Amino acid sequence: MDRIRVLVVDGHRIFADSLATALTAEQDVEATAVGGVPAALTALERAPADVLLLDIGLDPQGALLAAVRDRFPLVRTVILAAEDDPALAARALGAGAAGWVAKDSSLARLLSVVRGVLREETHVPPALLTGVLRELHRDRHHRSEHQRLVETLTPRELEVLRCMLAGLGRKAVAERLFLSPHTVRTHMQNVLSKLGVHSTLAAVALARRAGVPPAD
């Protein structure tokens, strides 16, 4: 029988190692533990896991979640949380997490979630579900508003915005799009005006929330 390969990622190594040991005691589970995000990516590159148990405190902005979703699409991620936070849970689920489990949950509960996500199930505690749904609805509303603003841009302004998302400055954008720096400046000012923001950072943040991809 193939064993479920689990990678525990938690900043508290004693907790991570103990949890990995407890999981490995199950006949159908083989677990290992690491203490940080870089180590997690290295471990996944060496031996891809079936399920990633991730301490949300190590990845509050979802950077590891996004990397796992993009680089290891077959890995199912379950969030380990010290306390329930609807906004954080919604963000994690939106970034690709398949479950949310309290750190003080029983081993039986954790194993049920691990096995469940491998059946393509999504696991969220009932007490957290209403708050998560509310946050997801709010996020969709905001995303729609941001997308509406982005749709007011001309094709050239959208190109400039995508370059801004890629971290390019005015001179680099001008060289990339074969425009003069003055023209790029005008386009950038128009982008800020149409998006209703006052800085490049704010424009980039809005564009990301709207799902605009950066320039290649």
N, C-alpha and C. Protein backbone atom coordinates (compact mmCIF):
# COMPACT_ATOMS: atom_id res chain seq x y z
N MET A 1 0.85 -1.20 0.00
CA MET A 1 0.00 0.00 0.00
C MET A 1 0.88 1.25 0.00
N ASP A 2 0.59 2.18 -0.92
CA ASP A 2 1.34 3.43 -0.96
C ASP A 2 0.99 4.27 0.27
N ARG A 3 2.00 4.85 0.87
CA ARG A 3 1.77 5.68 2.05
C ARG A 3 1.59 7.14 1.63
N ILE A 4 0.78 7.85 2.39
CA ILE A 4 0.57 9.28 2.15
C ILE A 4 1.80 10.03 2.62
N ARG A 5 2.42 10.76 1.73
CA ARG A 5 3.63 11.50 2.09
C ARG A 5 3.23 12.89 2.57
N VAL A 6 3.57 13.18 3.82
CA VAL A 6 3.18 14.45 4.44
C VAL A 6 4.44 15.24 4.82
N LEU A 7 4.44 16.52 4.50
CA LEU A 7 5.52 17.41 4.93
C LEU A 7 4.95 18.42 5.90
N VAL A 8 5.47 18.43 7.13
CA VAL A 8 5.03 19.38 8.16
C VAL A 8 5.98 20.57 8.15
N VAL A 9 5.43 21.78 8.00
CA VAL A 9 6.23 23.00 8.00
C VAL A 9 5.76 23.88 9.14
N ASP A 10 6.59 23.99 10.17
CA ASP A 10 6.20 24.77 11.35
C ASP A 10 7.44 25.36 11.98
N GLY A 11 7.32 26.62 12.42
CA GLY A 11 8.46 27.30 13.02
C GLY A 11 8.88 26.73 14.36
N HIS A 12 7.98 26.02 15.02
CA HIS A 12 8.32 25.37 16.29
C HIS A 12 8.75 23.94 15.99
N ARG A 13 10.06 23.71 15.92
CA ARG A 13 10.56 22.42 15.46
C ARG A 13 10.15 21.26 16.36
N ILE A 14 10.05 21.50 17.66
CA ILE A 14 9.64 20.40 18.54
C ILE A 14 8.22 19.97 18.17
N PHE A 15 7.34 20.96 17.96
CA PHE A 15 5.97 20.65 17.55
C PHE A 15 5.96 19.94 16.20
N ALA A 16 6.72 20.47 15.24
CA ALA A 16 6.75 19.89 13.90
C ALA A 16 7.25 18.46 13.92
N ASP A 17 8.35 18.22 14.64
CA ASP A 17 8.91 16.87 14.71
C ASP A 17 7.97 15.92 15.42
N SER A 18 7.34 16.39 16.49
CA SER A 18 6.41 15.54 17.24
C SER A 18 5.20 15.17 16.38
N LEU A 19 4.70 16.15 15.64
CA LEU A 19 3.55 15.88 14.78
C LEU A 19 3.92 14.90 13.67
N ALA A 20 5.10 15.09 13.07
CA ALA A 20 5.55 14.18 12.02
C ALA A 20 5.70 12.76 12.56
N THR A 21 6.21 12.64 13.77
CA THR A 21 6.37 11.31 14.39
C THR A 21 5.01 10.66 14.62
N ALA A 22 4.06 11.44 15.14
CA ALA A 22 2.73 10.91 15.41
C ALA A 22 2.04 10.48 14.12
N LEU A 23 2.19 11.26 13.06
CA LEU A 23 1.57 10.92 11.78
C LEU A 23 2.19 9.65 11.19
N THR A 24 3.50 9.52 11.32
CA THR A 24 4.20 8.37 10.75
C THR A 24 3.83 7.07 11.47
N ALA A 25 3.31 7.19 12.68
CA ALA A 25 2.87 6.00 13.42
C ALA A 25 1.66 5.33 12.74
N GLU A 26 0.98 6.09 11.87
CA GLU A 26 -0.14 5.52 11.12
C GLU A 26 0.40 4.65 9.98
N GLN A 27 -0.26 3.57 9.71
CA GLN A 27 0.23 2.63 8.71
C GLN A 27 0.27 3.22 7.30
N ASP A 28 -0.63 4.18 7.03
CA ASP A 28 -0.72 4.71 5.67
C ASP A 28 -0.09 6.08 5.51
N VAL A 29 0.69 6.53 6.49
CA VAL A 29 1.28 7.87 6.44
C VAL A 29 2.79 7.81 6.67
N GLU A 30 3.51 8.64 5.91
CA GLU A 30 4.95 8.83 6.13
C GLU A 30 5.20 10.33 6.16
N ALA A 31 5.63 10.85 7.30
CA ALA A 31 5.75 12.30 7.46
C ALA A 31 7.16 12.72 7.83
N THR A 32 7.54 13.91 7.32
CA THR A 32 8.81 14.54 7.70
C THR A 32 8.49 15.98 8.09
N ALA A 33 9.45 16.65 8.71
CA ALA A 33 9.22 18.00 9.20
C ALA A 33 10.38 18.92 8.86
N VAL A 34 10.04 20.20 8.57
CA VAL A 34 11.04 21.25 8.38
C VAL A 34 10.54 22.48 9.12
N GLY A 35 11.47 23.43 9.32
CA GLY A 35 11.13 24.57 10.17
C GLY A 35 10.92 25.90 9.49
N GLY A 36 10.94 25.95 8.15
CA GLY A 36 10.78 27.25 7.50
C GLY A 36 10.43 27.12 6.03
N VAL A 37 10.11 28.26 5.42
CA VAL A 37 9.67 28.27 4.02
C VAL A 37 10.76 27.83 3.05
N PRO A 38 11.99 28.36 3.12
CA PRO A 38 13.02 27.90 2.18
C PRO A 38 13.26 26.39 2.29
N ALA A 39 13.29 25.88 3.52
CA ALA A 39 13.50 24.45 3.72
C ALA A 39 12.34 23.65 3.14
N ALA A 40 11.15 24.19 3.21
CA ALA A 40 9.98 23.50 2.66
C ALA A 40 10.11 23.35 1.15
N LEU A 41 10.48 24.42 0.47
CA LEU A 41 10.63 24.36 -0.99
C LEU A 41 11.74 23.39 -1.39
N THR A 42 12.82 23.41 -0.63
CA THR A 42 13.92 22.48 -0.91
C THR A 42 13.46 21.04 -0.73
N ALA A 43 12.73 20.77 0.34
CA ALA A 43 12.24 19.43 0.61
C ALA A 43 11.29 18.95 -0.48
N LEU A 44 10.42 19.85 -0.95
CA LEU A 44 9.47 19.49 -2.01
C LEU A 44 10.19 19.21 -3.33
N GLU A 45 11.25 19.94 -3.58
CA GLU A 45 12.02 19.70 -4.81
C GLU A 45 12.72 18.35 -4.76
N ARG A 46 13.16 17.96 -3.58
CA ARG A 46 13.87 16.69 -3.45
C ARG A 46 12.91 15.51 -3.45
N ALA A 47 11.78 15.66 -2.79
CA ALA A 47 10.83 14.56 -2.68
C ALA A 47 9.43 15.13 -2.52
N PRO A 48 8.73 15.37 -3.61
CA PRO A 48 7.39 15.96 -3.54
C PRO A 48 6.47 15.20 -2.59
N ALA A 49 5.73 15.96 -1.81
CA ALA A 49 4.79 15.36 -0.85
C ALA A 49 3.40 15.29 -1.46
N ASP A 50 2.55 14.51 -0.82
CA ASP A 50 1.14 14.49 -1.21
C ASP A 50 0.38 15.60 -0.50
N VAL A 51 0.73 15.81 0.78
CA VAL A 51 0.05 16.82 1.59
C VAL A 51 1.09 17.66 2.32
N LEU A 52 0.90 18.96 2.28
CA LEU A 52 1.75 19.90 3.01
C LEU A 52 0.94 20.45 4.17
N LEU A 53 1.44 20.28 5.40
CA LEU A 53 0.82 20.87 6.58
C LEU A 53 1.61 22.12 6.92
N LEU A 54 1.02 23.28 6.75
CA LEU A 54 1.75 24.55 6.82
C LEU A 54 1.27 25.42 7.97
N ASP A 55 2.20 25.82 8.82
CA ASP A 55 1.92 26.80 9.88
C ASP A 55 1.67 28.14 9.21
N ILE A 56 0.45 28.66 9.34
CA ILE A 56 0.09 29.90 8.66
C ILE A 56 0.92 31.07 9.16
N GLY A 57 1.47 30.97 10.37
CA GLY A 57 2.32 32.03 10.89
C GLY A 57 3.59 32.22 10.09
N LEU A 58 4.00 31.19 9.34
CA LEU A 58 5.20 31.29 8.51
C LEU A 58 4.89 31.88 7.13
N ASP A 59 3.61 31.93 6.77
CA ASP A 59 3.25 32.35 5.42
C ASP A 59 1.97 33.18 5.42
N PRO A 60 1.91 34.26 6.21
CA PRO A 60 0.66 35.02 6.32
C PRO A 60 0.22 35.69 5.02
N GLN A 61 1.16 35.99 4.13
CA GLN A 61 0.83 36.63 2.86
C GLN A 61 0.61 35.63 1.73
N GLY A 62 0.82 34.34 1.99
CA GLY A 62 0.55 33.32 0.99
C GLY A 62 1.62 33.10 -0.04
N ALA A 63 2.85 33.55 0.22
CA ALA A 63 3.92 33.39 -0.77
C ALA A 63 4.25 31.92 -1.01
N LEU A 64 4.36 31.14 0.08
CA LEU A 64 4.66 29.71 -0.09
C LEU A 64 3.48 29.00 -0.74
N LEU A 65 2.27 29.36 -0.33
CA LEU A 65 1.09 28.75 -0.94
C LEU A 65 1.09 28.95 -2.45
N ALA A 66 1.38 30.16 -2.88
CA ALA A 66 1.41 30.46 -4.31
C ALA A 66 2.51 29.67 -5.02
N ALA A 67 3.68 29.58 -4.37
CA ALA A 67 4.80 28.84 -4.97
C ALA A 67 4.46 27.36 -5.10
N VAL A 68 3.84 26.80 -4.07
CA VAL A 68 3.47 25.38 -4.11
C VAL A 68 2.42 25.15 -5.18
N ARG A 69 1.43 26.04 -5.25
CA ARG A 69 0.37 25.91 -6.26
C ARG A 69 0.95 25.93 -7.67
N ASP A 70 1.94 26.79 -7.91
CA ASP A 70 2.51 26.94 -9.25
C ASP A 70 3.52 25.86 -9.58
N ARG A 71 4.37 25.50 -8.60
CA ARG A 71 5.47 24.58 -8.87
C ARG A 71 5.16 23.13 -8.56
N PHE A 72 4.23 22.90 -7.64
CA PHE A 72 3.89 21.53 -7.25
C PHE A 72 2.37 21.39 -7.22
N PRO A 73 1.71 21.45 -8.36
CA PRO A 73 0.25 21.50 -8.40
C PRO A 73 -0.46 20.27 -7.83
N LEU A 74 0.24 19.16 -7.70
CA LEU A 74 -0.39 17.95 -7.15
C LEU A 74 -0.37 17.92 -5.63
N VAL A 75 0.39 18.81 -5.01
CA VAL A 75 0.47 18.84 -3.55
C VAL A 75 -0.77 19.55 -2.99
N ARG A 76 -1.40 18.93 -2.00
CA ARG A 76 -2.55 19.52 -1.32
C ARG A 76 -2.06 20.16 -0.03
N THR A 77 -2.40 21.41 0.20
CA THR A 77 -1.91 22.13 1.38
C THR A 77 -3.02 22.29 2.41
N VAL A 78 -2.68 21.95 3.65
CA VAL A 78 -3.60 22.13 4.79
C VAL A 78 -2.93 23.12 5.75
N ILE A 79 -3.67 24.14 6.16
CA ILE A 79 -3.14 25.15 7.05
C ILE A 79 -3.27 24.70 8.50
N LEU A 80 -2.18 24.88 9.25
CA LEU A 80 -2.18 24.67 10.69
C LEU A 80 -2.24 26.06 11.34
N ALA A 81 -3.24 26.28 12.19
CA ALA A 81 -3.43 27.61 12.76
C ALA A 81 -3.57 27.56 14.27
N ALA A 82 -2.94 28.54 14.92
CA ALA A 82 -3.03 28.63 16.38
C ALA A 82 -4.41 29.12 16.79
N GLU A 83 -5.06 29.91 15.94
CA GLU A 83 -6.41 30.39 16.22
C GLU A 83 -7.14 30.63 14.92
N ASP A 84 -8.47 30.60 14.99
CA ASP A 84 -9.27 30.80 13.78
C ASP A 84 -9.31 32.28 13.41
N ASP A 85 -9.08 32.55 12.14
CA ASP A 85 -9.08 33.91 11.62
C ASP A 85 -9.76 33.87 10.26
N PRO A 86 -11.02 34.29 10.15
CA PRO A 86 -11.74 34.18 8.88
C PRO A 86 -11.04 34.86 7.70
N ALA A 87 -10.50 36.06 7.94
CA ALA A 87 -9.83 36.78 6.84
C ALA A 87 -8.60 36.03 6.37
N LEU A 88 -7.82 35.53 7.31
CA LEU A 88 -6.61 34.80 6.95
C LEU A 88 -6.95 33.47 6.29
N ALA A 89 -7.99 32.82 6.79
CA ALA A 89 -8.42 31.55 6.21
C ALA A 89 -8.91 31.75 4.78
N ALA A 90 -9.69 32.80 4.56
CA ALA A 90 -10.19 33.08 3.21
C ALA A 90 -9.04 33.36 2.26
N ARG A 91 -8.05 34.12 2.74
CA ARG A 91 -6.89 34.43 1.89
C ARG A 91 -6.12 33.15 1.55
N ALA A 92 -5.97 32.27 2.54
CA ALA A 92 -5.24 31.02 2.32
C ALA A 92 -5.98 30.12 1.34
N LEU A 93 -7.30 30.00 1.52
CA LEU A 93 -8.09 29.18 0.61
C LEU A 93 -8.06 29.75 -0.79
N GLY A 94 -8.10 31.08 -0.90
CA GLY A 94 -8.03 31.71 -2.20
C GLY A 94 -6.69 31.51 -2.88
N ALA A 95 -5.64 31.32 -2.07
CA ALA A 95 -4.29 31.12 -2.61
C ALA A 95 -4.00 29.66 -2.91
N GLY A 96 -4.96 28.78 -2.60
CA GLY A 96 -4.76 27.38 -2.97
C GLY A 96 -4.81 26.37 -1.86
N ALA A 97 -4.97 26.80 -0.60
CA ALA A 97 -5.06 25.84 0.50
C ALA A 97 -6.33 25.00 0.36
N ALA A 98 -6.27 23.76 0.81
CA ALA A 98 -7.42 22.86 0.71
C ALA A 98 -8.07 22.62 2.07
N GLY A 99 -7.44 23.12 3.13
CA GLY A 99 -8.02 22.89 4.45
C GLY A 99 -7.42 23.79 5.49
N TRP A 100 -8.11 23.88 6.62
CA TRP A 100 -7.69 24.71 7.76
C TRP A 100 -7.96 23.91 9.03
N VAL A 101 -6.91 23.69 9.82
CA VAL A 101 -7.04 22.88 11.02
C VAL A 101 -6.37 23.60 12.18
N ALA A 102 -7.03 23.61 13.34
CA ALA A 102 -6.43 24.20 14.53
C ALA A 102 -5.28 23.32 15.01
N LYS A 103 -4.24 23.95 15.51
CA LYS A 103 -3.08 23.19 15.97
C LYS A 103 -3.40 22.28 17.15
N ASP A 104 -4.42 22.66 17.91
CA ASP A 104 -4.78 21.83 19.07
C ASP A 104 -5.84 20.79 18.74
N SER A 105 -6.10 20.57 17.44
CA SER A 105 -7.04 19.52 17.05
C SER A 105 -6.47 18.15 17.38
N SER A 106 -7.34 17.19 17.50
CA SER A 106 -6.90 15.82 17.77
C SER A 106 -6.18 15.26 16.55
N LEU A 107 -5.37 14.26 16.78
CA LEU A 107 -4.67 13.61 15.67
C LEU A 107 -5.68 12.96 14.72
N ALA A 108 -6.76 12.43 15.29
CA ALA A 108 -7.80 11.81 14.46
C ALA A 108 -8.40 12.84 13.51
N ARG A 109 -8.66 14.05 14.03
CA ARG A 109 -9.21 15.11 13.19
C ARG A 109 -8.24 15.49 12.08
N LEU A 110 -6.99 15.63 12.41
CA LEU A 110 -5.97 16.01 11.43
C LEU A 110 -5.84 14.94 10.35
N LEU A 111 -5.85 13.68 10.76
CA LEU A 111 -5.75 12.59 9.79
C LEU A 111 -6.96 12.57 8.87
N SER A 112 -8.14 12.87 9.42
CA SER A 112 -9.35 12.92 8.60
C SER A 112 -9.23 14.00 7.53
N VAL A 113 -8.66 15.14 7.89
CA VAL A 113 -8.48 16.22 6.92
C VAL A 113 -7.43 15.84 5.88
N VAL A 114 -6.33 15.28 6.31
CA VAL A 114 -5.26 14.87 5.39
C VAL A 114 -5.80 13.89 4.35
N ARG A 115 -6.54 12.91 4.81
CA ARG A 115 -7.10 11.93 3.88
C ARG A 115 -8.20 12.55 3.01
N GLY A 116 -8.94 13.49 3.60
CA GLY A 116 -10.02 14.12 2.86
C GLY A 116 -9.55 14.98 1.71
N VAL A 117 -8.51 15.77 1.95
CA VAL A 117 -8.05 16.66 0.87
C VAL A 117 -7.50 15.87 -0.31
N LEU A 118 -7.02 14.65 -0.05
CA LEU A 118 -6.55 13.81 -1.14
C LEU A 118 -7.71 13.25 -1.96
N ARG A 119 -8.92 13.37 -1.43
CA ARG A 119 -10.13 13.01 -2.19
C ARG A 119 -10.75 14.26 -2.82
N GLU A 120 -9.94 15.32 -2.90
CA GLU A 120 -10.37 16.60 -3.49
C GLU A 120 -11.41 17.31 -2.64
N GLU A 121 -11.46 17.03 -1.34
CA GLU A 121 -12.37 17.72 -0.43
C GLU A 121 -11.71 18.98 0.11
N THR A 122 -12.52 19.96 0.48
CA THR A 122 -12.03 21.16 1.16
C THR A 122 -12.55 21.13 2.59
N HIS A 123 -11.66 21.28 3.56
CA HIS A 123 -12.03 21.16 4.96
C HIS A 123 -11.84 22.48 5.70
N VAL A 124 -12.95 23.02 6.21
CA VAL A 124 -12.94 24.23 7.02
C VAL A 124 -13.81 23.96 8.25
N PRO A 125 -13.35 24.29 9.46
CA PRO A 125 -14.17 24.06 10.65
C PRO A 125 -15.52 24.75 10.53
N PRO A 126 -16.60 24.08 10.93
CA PRO A 126 -17.95 24.68 10.81
C PRO A 126 -18.04 26.06 11.47
N ALA A 127 -17.38 26.24 12.60
CA ALA A 127 -17.46 27.52 13.31
C ALA A 127 -16.79 28.64 12.53
N LEU A 128 -15.94 28.29 11.60
CA LEU A 128 -15.20 29.28 10.82
C LEU A 128 -15.84 29.54 9.46
N LEU A 129 -16.71 28.65 9.05
CA LEU A 129 -17.21 28.67 7.67
C LEU A 129 -17.96 29.95 7.32
N THR A 130 -18.85 30.41 8.20
CA THR A 130 -19.62 31.61 7.90
C THR A 130 -18.72 32.81 7.68
N GLY A 131 -17.73 32.98 8.55
CA GLY A 131 -16.80 34.09 8.42
C GLY A 131 -15.98 34.00 7.14
N VAL A 132 -15.57 32.78 6.78
CA VAL A 132 -14.79 32.59 5.55
C VAL A 132 -15.63 32.94 4.33
N LEU A 133 -16.87 32.48 4.30
CA LEU A 133 -17.74 32.78 3.16
C LEU A 133 -17.98 34.28 3.03
N ARG A 134 -18.12 34.95 4.18
CA ARG A 134 -18.31 36.39 4.17
C ARG A 134 -17.08 37.09 3.58
N GLU A 135 -15.90 36.64 4.00
CA GLU A 135 -14.66 37.24 3.50
C GLU A 135 -14.47 36.98 2.01
N LEU A 136 -14.79 35.76 1.57
CA LEU A 136 -14.64 35.43 0.15
C LEU A 136 -15.60 36.27 -0.70
N HIS A 137 -16.81 36.50 -0.18
CA HIS A 137 -17.77 37.34 -0.90
C HIS A 137 -17.26 38.78 -1.00
N ARG A 138 -16.70 39.28 0.11
CA ARG A 138 -16.15 40.63 0.10
C ARG A 138 -14.99 40.74 -0.88
N ASP A 139 -14.13 39.70 -0.88
CA ASP A 139 -12.98 39.72 -1.79
C ASP A 139 -13.43 39.72 -3.25
N ARG A 140 -14.46 38.91 -3.55
CA ARG A 140 -14.95 38.88 -4.93
C ARG A 140 -15.52 40.23 -5.34
N HIS A 141 -16.22 40.88 -4.40
CA HIS A 141 -16.77 42.21 -4.70
C HIS A 141 -15.66 43.20 -5.00
N HIS A 142 -14.63 43.20 -4.14
CA HIS A 142 -13.51 44.12 -4.34
C HIS A 142 -12.77 43.80 -5.63
N ARG A 143 -12.60 42.51 -5.90
CA ARG A 143 -11.91 42.11 -7.12
C ARG A 143 -12.67 42.61 -8.36
N SER A 144 -14.00 42.49 -8.31
CA SER A 144 -14.82 42.96 -9.43
C SER A 144 -14.68 44.46 -9.63
N GLU A 145 -14.64 45.20 -8.52
CA GLU A 145 -14.47 46.65 -8.62
C GLU A 145 -13.10 46.99 -9.19
N HIS A 146 -12.08 46.28 -8.76
CA HIS A 146 -10.73 46.53 -9.27
C HIS A 146 -10.65 46.17 -10.75
N GLN A 147 -11.28 45.06 -11.14
CA GLN A 147 -11.27 44.67 -12.55
C GLN A 147 -11.98 45.71 -13.41
N ARG A 148 -13.07 46.28 -12.88
CA ARG A 148 -13.80 47.31 -13.62
C ARG A 148 -12.90 48.51 -13.88
N LEU A 149 -12.11 48.90 -12.88
CA LEU A 149 -11.19 50.04 -13.07
C LEU A 149 -10.11 49.71 -14.09
N VAL A 150 -9.57 48.50 -14.02
CA VAL A 150 -8.52 48.12 -14.97
C VAL A 150 -9.06 48.12 -16.40
N GLU A 151 -10.33 47.75 -16.56
CA GLU A 151 -10.92 47.70 -17.90
C GLU A 151 -11.08 49.08 -18.53
N THR A 152 -10.91 50.15 -17.74
CA THR A 152 -10.98 51.50 -18.31
C THR A 152 -9.68 51.90 -18.99
N LEU A 153 -8.63 51.12 -18.79
CA LEU A 153 -7.33 51.45 -19.37
C LEU A 153 -7.30 51.12 -20.86
N THR A 154 -6.55 51.90 -21.60
CA THR A 154 -6.32 51.59 -23.01
C THR A 154 -5.34 50.41 -23.08
N PRO A 155 -5.24 49.74 -24.24
CA PRO A 155 -4.28 48.64 -24.37
C PRO A 155 -2.84 49.06 -24.02
N ARG A 156 -2.44 50.26 -24.44
CA ARG A 156 -1.09 50.71 -24.14
C ARG A 156 -0.92 50.97 -22.65
N GLU A 157 -1.92 51.57 -22.02
CA GLU A 157 -1.85 51.81 -20.57
C GLU A 157 -1.79 50.49 -19.81
N LEU A 158 -2.50 49.49 -20.29
CA LEU A 158 -2.45 48.17 -19.65
C LEU A 158 -1.05 47.56 -19.78
N GLU A 159 -0.43 47.75 -20.94
CA GLU A 159 0.94 47.28 -21.12
C GLU A 159 1.87 47.95 -20.11
N VAL A 160 1.71 49.25 -19.93
CA VAL A 160 2.53 49.99 -18.97
C VAL A 160 2.28 49.48 -17.56
N LEU A 161 1.02 49.23 -17.22
CA LEU A 161 0.70 48.71 -15.89
C LEU A 161 1.34 47.35 -15.66
N ARG A 162 1.31 46.50 -16.65
CA ARG A 162 1.93 45.17 -16.51
C ARG A 162 3.44 45.29 -16.32
N CYS A 163 4.04 46.28 -16.98
CA CYS A 163 5.47 46.52 -16.77
C CYS A 163 5.72 47.01 -15.34
N MET A 164 4.83 47.84 -14.83
CA MET A 164 4.94 48.30 -13.45
C MET A 164 4.83 47.12 -12.49
N LEU A 165 3.95 46.19 -12.81
CA LEU A 165 3.80 44.98 -11.98
C LEU A 165 5.08 44.15 -11.98
N ALA A 166 5.79 44.18 -13.09
CA ALA A 166 7.04 43.43 -13.20
C ALA A 166 8.20 44.15 -12.52
N GLY A 167 7.93 45.33 -11.95
CA GLY A 167 8.96 46.06 -11.22
C GLY A 167 9.85 46.94 -12.09
N LEU A 168 9.41 47.23 -13.31
CA LEU A 168 10.23 48.05 -14.20
C LEU A 168 10.01 49.53 -13.92
N GLY A 169 11.09 50.29 -13.94
CA GLY A 169 11.00 51.73 -13.79
C GLY A 169 10.67 52.40 -15.11
N ARG A 170 10.52 53.74 -15.07
CA ARG A 170 10.10 54.47 -16.26
C ARG A 170 11.04 54.25 -17.44
N LYS A 171 12.33 54.33 -17.20
CA LYS A 171 13.30 54.17 -18.28
C LYS A 171 13.23 52.77 -18.87
N ALA A 172 13.13 51.75 -18.02
CA ALA A 172 13.05 50.37 -18.49
C ALA A 172 11.77 50.12 -19.27
N VAL A 173 10.67 50.73 -18.82
CA VAL A 173 9.41 50.59 -19.55
C VAL A 173 9.53 51.23 -20.93
N ALA A 174 10.14 52.39 -20.97
CA ALA A 174 10.32 53.08 -22.25
C ALA A 174 11.12 52.23 -23.23
N GLU A 175 12.19 51.63 -22.75
CA GLU A 175 13.02 50.79 -23.62
C GLU A 175 12.26 49.54 -24.07
N ARG A 176 11.50 48.97 -23.16
CA ARG A 176 10.78 47.74 -23.48
C ARG A 176 9.66 47.97 -24.50
N LEU A 177 8.97 49.10 -24.37
CA LEU A 177 7.82 49.38 -25.23
C LEU A 177 8.16 50.31 -26.39
N PHE A 178 9.46 50.67 -26.52
CA PHE A 178 9.93 51.55 -27.60
C PHE A 178 9.19 52.88 -27.59
N LEU A 179 9.11 53.46 -26.39
CA LEU A 179 8.46 54.75 -26.20
C LEU A 179 9.46 55.72 -25.56
N SER A 180 9.15 56.99 -25.63
CA SER A 180 10.00 57.97 -24.95
C SER A 180 9.65 57.98 -23.46
N PRO A 181 10.61 58.32 -22.60
CA PRO A 181 10.32 58.41 -21.17
C PRO A 181 9.17 59.37 -20.87
N HIS A 182 9.07 60.44 -21.65
CA HIS A 182 7.98 61.40 -21.44
C HIS A 182 6.62 60.75 -21.71
N THR A 183 6.56 59.97 -22.79
CA THR A 183 5.31 59.28 -23.12
C THR A 183 4.95 58.27 -22.04
N VAL A 184 5.96 57.54 -21.56
CA VAL A 184 5.71 56.57 -20.49
C VAL A 184 5.20 57.28 -19.24
N ARG A 185 5.80 58.43 -18.94
CA ARG A 185 5.34 59.19 -17.78
C ARG A 185 3.87 59.57 -17.92
N THR A 186 3.49 59.99 -19.11
CA THR A 186 2.09 60.34 -19.35
C THR A 186 1.17 59.14 -19.16
N HIS A 187 1.59 58.00 -19.70
CA HIS A 187 0.79 56.78 -19.55
C HIS A 187 0.66 56.40 -18.07
N MET A 188 1.76 56.50 -17.33
CA MET A 188 1.72 56.15 -15.91
C MET A 188 0.77 57.06 -15.14
N GLN A 189 0.82 58.35 -15.47
CA GLN A 189 -0.09 59.30 -14.81
C GLN A 189 -1.54 58.97 -15.14
N ASN A 190 -1.79 58.59 -16.39
CA ASN A 190 -3.15 58.21 -16.77
C ASN A 190 -3.61 56.95 -16.05
N VAL A 191 -2.69 56.00 -15.88
CA VAL A 191 -3.01 54.76 -15.16
C VAL A 191 -3.41 55.07 -13.73
N LEU A 192 -2.60 55.90 -13.06
CA LEU A 192 -2.91 56.26 -11.67
C LEU A 192 -4.25 56.96 -11.58
N SER A 193 -4.51 57.86 -12.51
CA SER A 193 -5.76 58.63 -12.49
C SER A 193 -6.96 57.72 -12.69
N LYS A 194 -6.88 56.83 -13.68
CA LYS A 194 -8.02 55.95 -13.98
C LYS A 194 -8.26 54.92 -12.87
N LEU A 195 -7.19 54.50 -12.20
CA LEU A 195 -7.34 53.53 -11.11
C LEU A 195 -7.73 54.21 -9.80
N GLY A 196 -7.65 55.54 -9.77
CA GLY A 196 -8.03 56.27 -8.57
C GLY A 196 -7.03 56.14 -7.44
N VAL A 197 -5.74 56.04 -7.78
CA VAL A 197 -4.68 55.91 -6.77
C VAL A 197 -3.66 57.02 -6.97
N HIS A 198 -2.75 57.14 -6.00
CA HIS A 198 -1.81 58.26 -6.04
C HIS A 198 -0.34 57.84 -6.08
N SER A 199 -0.10 56.54 -6.21
CA SER A 199 1.29 56.09 -6.25
C SER A 199 1.40 54.81 -7.07
N THR A 200 2.61 54.56 -7.54
CA THR A 200 2.86 53.33 -8.29
C THR A 200 2.59 52.10 -7.44
N LEU A 201 3.00 52.16 -6.16
CA LEU A 201 2.78 51.01 -5.27
C LEU A 201 1.30 50.70 -5.13
N ALA A 202 0.48 51.74 -5.00
CA ALA A 202 -0.97 51.52 -4.88
C ALA A 202 -1.55 50.95 -6.17
N ALA A 203 -1.05 51.42 -7.31
CA ALA A 203 -1.53 50.90 -8.59
C ALA A 203 -1.17 49.43 -8.75
N VAL A 204 0.04 49.08 -8.35
CA VAL A 204 0.48 47.69 -8.43
C VAL A 204 -0.36 46.80 -7.52
N ALA A 205 -0.61 47.27 -6.30
CA ALA A 205 -1.41 46.49 -5.36
C ALA A 205 -2.82 46.26 -5.91
N LEU A 206 -3.43 47.30 -6.47
CA LEU A 206 -4.77 47.16 -7.03
C LEU A 206 -4.77 46.19 -8.21
N ALA A 207 -3.76 46.31 -9.06
CA ALA A 207 -3.68 45.44 -10.23
C ALA A 207 -3.54 43.98 -9.83
N ARG A 208 -2.75 43.74 -8.80
CA ARG A 208 -2.60 42.36 -8.32
C ARG A 208 -3.92 41.81 -7.82
N ARG A 209 -4.67 42.63 -7.07
CA ARG A 209 -5.96 42.18 -6.56
C ARG A 209 -6.95 41.94 -7.70
N ALA A 210 -6.76 42.65 -8.79
CA ALA A 210 -7.64 42.47 -9.96
C ALA A 210 -7.22 41.28 -10.81
N GLY A 211 -6.07 40.69 -10.50
CA GLY A 211 -5.62 39.53 -11.25
C GLY A 211 -4.84 39.85 -12.51
N VAL A 212 -4.32 41.07 -12.62
CA VAL A 212 -3.54 41.45 -13.79
C VAL A 212 -2.18 40.77 -13.74
N PRO A 213 -1.77 40.06 -14.77
CA PRO A 213 -0.46 39.41 -14.75
C PRO A 213 0.65 40.40 -15.07
N PRO A 214 1.83 40.23 -14.49
CA PRO A 214 2.96 41.12 -14.82
C PRO A 214 3.46 40.83 -16.23
N ALA A 215 4.19 41.78 -16.79
CA ALA A 215 4.79 41.57 -18.10
C ALA A 215 5.81 40.43 -18.02
N ASP A 216 5.88 39.66 -19.07
CA ASP A 216 6.83 38.54 -19.11
C ASP A 216 8.26 39.03 -19.17
